[in-house]
Amino acid sequence: MIRFREATRADVPAVVALLADDTLGKAREGTDLAPYLAAFDAMQSEGANRLIVGEEGGRIVATYQITLISGLSLRAARRAQVESVRVAADLRGRGAGAALMADAEARARAAGCRLMQLTSNRTRADAQRFYERLGFTPSHIGYKRDLS
């Protein structure tokens, strides 16, 4: 059984390995851990921004980032933004992803969120089907702009 918990700095290498273990991640993740550790430290200082890991048998097998956002729209609804969802390749299709998203939803509800949102790269057709099976709807068009 996977146990979800807040990540520690020592978990960062395993999380980076999960991020790099897919078609898109292979091209965009790096091997130098320094920027990842600095980003983790920054996330820790932002009270509403957390990295969560799923652990099974002492191994990090899943991860996601959850950011709690307060806002004025939707009658001042608080929302949870879920990012960087990853499950170890050998566990995909076995319920680990559903358990991960259930954990994210429980954390969002406990924080008073009325909405949980995420984006998925348009090339990830399997991920999109997965999110729709969980009740997410593709209600918006997302845009990104590279600032580097």
Protein backbone atom coordinates (compact mmCIF):
# COMPACT_ATOMS: atom_id res chain seq x y z
CA MET A 1 0.00 0.00 0.00
CA ILE A 2 1.25 3.46 -0.88
CA ARG A 3 1.58 5.94 1.98
CA PHE A 4 1.49 9.62 0.98
CA ARG A 5 3.39 12.22 2.97
CA GLU A 6 5.05 15.59 2.57
CA ALA A 7 8.42 15.26 0.89
CA THR A 8 11.69 15.99 2.62
CA ARG A 9 14.81 17.40 1.06
CA ALA A 10 16.25 13.86 1.02
CA ASP A 11 13.39 12.79 -1.29
CA VAL A 12 14.30 15.30 -4.03
CA PRO A 13 16.60 12.95 -6.04
CA ALA A 14 13.88 10.28 -6.18
CA VAL A 15 11.28 12.85 -7.22
CA VAL A 16 13.54 14.18 -9.98
CA ALA A 17 14.03 10.60 -11.20
CA LEU A 18 10.24 10.18 -11.43
CA LEU A 19 9.92 13.49 -13.29
CA ALA A 20 12.56 12.39 -15.79
CA ASP A 21 11.07 8.91 -16.31
CA ASP A 22 8.72 9.66 -19.18
CA THR A 23 8.88 10.86 -22.76
CA LEU A 24 8.56 14.57 -21.97
CA GLY A 25 10.64 14.47 -18.79
CA LYS A 26 13.63 12.85 -20.46
CA ALA A 27 14.02 15.95 -22.61
CA ARG A 28 13.37 18.62 -20.01
CA GLU A 29 14.81 17.42 -16.69
CA GLY A 30 18.49 17.69 -15.79
CA THR A 31 21.02 15.77 -13.72
CA ASP A 32 22.33 18.66 -11.59
CA LEU A 33 20.32 18.48 -8.35
CA ALA A 34 21.28 21.97 -7.15
CA PRO A 35 18.40 23.80 -8.88
CA TYR A 36 15.90 21.18 -7.72
CA LEU A 37 17.09 21.46 -4.12
CA ALA A 38 16.89 25.26 -4.29
CA ALA A 39 13.35 24.99 -5.69
CA PHE A 40 12.38 22.57 -2.91
CA ASP A 41 13.72 25.01 -0.30
CA ALA A 42 11.70 27.83 -1.89
CA MET A 43 8.56 25.68 -1.91
CA GLN A 44 9.05 24.93 1.78
CA SER A 45 9.17 28.64 2.56
CA GLU A 46 5.86 29.18 0.73
CA GLY A 47 3.31 27.90 3.21
CA ALA A 48 0.70 26.88 0.65
CA ASN A 49 3.01 25.07 -1.78
CA ARG A 50 3.85 21.45 -0.97
CA LEU A 51 5.58 18.52 -2.61
CA ILE A 52 3.96 15.18 -1.76
CA VAL A 53 5.49 11.76 -2.26
CA GLY A 54 3.99 8.30 -2.25
CA GLU A 55 6.15 5.69 -0.59
CA GLU A 56 5.84 1.93 -0.77
CA GLY A 57 8.31 -0.45 0.83
CA GLY A 58 10.78 2.38 1.47
CA ARG A 59 10.73 3.42 -2.21
CA ILE A 60 9.34 6.71 -3.56
CA VAL A 61 6.87 5.54 -6.22
CA ALA A 62 4.70 8.62 -6.82
CA THR A 63 4.76 12.38 -6.46
CA TYR A 64 2.73 15.52 -6.99
CA GLN A 65 2.90 19.17 -6.09
CA ILE A 66 -0.13 20.89 -4.57
CA THR A 67 -0.46 24.65 -4.28
CA LEU A 68 -3.37 26.19 -2.40
CA ILE A 69 -4.59 29.41 -3.99
CA SER A 70 -6.94 31.93 -2.41
CA GLY A 71 -8.79 34.15 -4.84
CA LEU A 72 -11.83 36.31 -5.41
CA SER A 73 -13.43 34.55 -8.39
CA LEU A 74 -16.15 31.92 -7.96
CA ARG A 75 -17.40 33.67 -4.81
CA ALA A 76 -13.93 33.75 -3.29
CA ALA A 77 -13.37 30.02 -3.78
CA ARG A 78 -10.08 28.61 -2.60
CA ARG A 79 -8.59 26.21 -5.13
CA ALA A 80 -5.88 23.58 -5.22
CA GLN A 81 -3.54 23.51 -8.20
CA VAL A 82 -2.04 20.04 -8.75
CA GLU A 83 1.15 19.78 -10.80
CA SER A 84 3.95 17.36 -11.64
CA VAL A 85 1.87 14.22 -11.14
CA ARG A 86 4.03 11.13 -11.62
CA VAL A 87 3.76 7.43 -10.80
CA ALA A 88 6.58 4.92 -11.19
CA ALA A 89 6.31 3.13 -14.54
CA ASP A 90 5.95 -0.31 -12.96
CA LEU A 91 2.90 0.83 -10.95
CA ARG A 92 0.96 2.57 -13.72
CA GLY A 93 -2.43 1.01 -14.39
CA ARG A 94 -2.58 -0.54 -10.91
CA GLY A 95 -4.50 2.14 -9.00
CA ALA A 96 -1.52 4.16 -7.77
CA GLY A 97 -2.57 7.22 -9.77
CA ALA A 98 -6.12 7.07 -8.42
CA ALA A 99 -4.74 6.78 -4.87
CA LEU A 100 -2.46 9.77 -5.53
CA MET A 101 -5.34 11.91 -6.78
CA ALA A 102 -7.53 10.82 -3.85
CA ASP A 103 -4.77 11.98 -1.50
CA ALA A 104 -4.56 15.32 -3.33
CA GLU A 105 -8.34 15.74 -3.11
CA ALA A 106 -8.36 14.95 0.61
CA ARG A 107 -5.63 17.54 1.22
CA ALA A 108 -7.50 20.11 -0.88
CA ARG A 109 -10.76 19.53 0.97
CA ALA A 110 -9.01 19.69 4.35
CA ALA A 111 -7.58 23.08 3.33
CA GLY A 112 -11.04 24.40 2.49
CA CYS A 113 -10.71 24.26 -1.29
CA ARG A 114 -13.85 24.19 -3.40
CA LEU A 115 -12.04 23.42 -6.65
CA MET A 116 -9.12 21.24 -7.70
CA GLN A 117 -7.46 22.05 -11.01
CA LEU A 118 -4.59 20.79 -13.08
CA THR A 119 -3.11 21.00 -16.53
CA SER A 120 -1.91 18.14 -18.69
CA ASN A 121 0.35 18.36 -21.71
CA ARG A 122 -1.84 17.90 -24.77
CA THR A 123 0.38 14.99 -25.94
CA ARG A 124 -0.47 12.95 -22.82
CA ALA A 125 -3.62 11.26 -24.10
CA ASP A 126 -3.49 8.48 -21.49
CA ALA A 127 -3.23 11.04 -18.68
CA GLN A 128 -6.18 12.98 -20.05
CA ARG A 129 -8.35 9.86 -20.16
CA PHE A 130 -7.25 9.07 -16.60
CA TYR A 131 -8.23 12.54 -15.30
CA GLU A 132 -11.58 12.40 -17.07
CA ARG A 133 -12.30 8.98 -15.50
CA LEU A 134 -11.74 10.64 -12.11
CA GLY A 135 -14.33 13.32 -12.88
CA PHE A 136 -12.12 16.15 -14.14
CA THR A 137 -13.49 18.04 -17.13
CA PRO A 138 -11.41 19.75 -19.80
CA SER A 139 -13.24 23.03 -19.22
CA HIS A 140 -10.53 25.55 -20.07
CA ILE A 141 -7.80 26.15 -22.61
CA GLY A 142 -4.42 26.62 -20.96
CA TYR A 143 -1.63 28.83 -22.18
CA LYS A 144 2.01 29.05 -21.20
CA ARG A 145 4.74 31.45 -22.13
CA ASP A 146 8.41 30.67 -21.62
CA LEU A 147 10.12 33.51 -19.75
CA SER A 148 13.69 32.19 -19.93
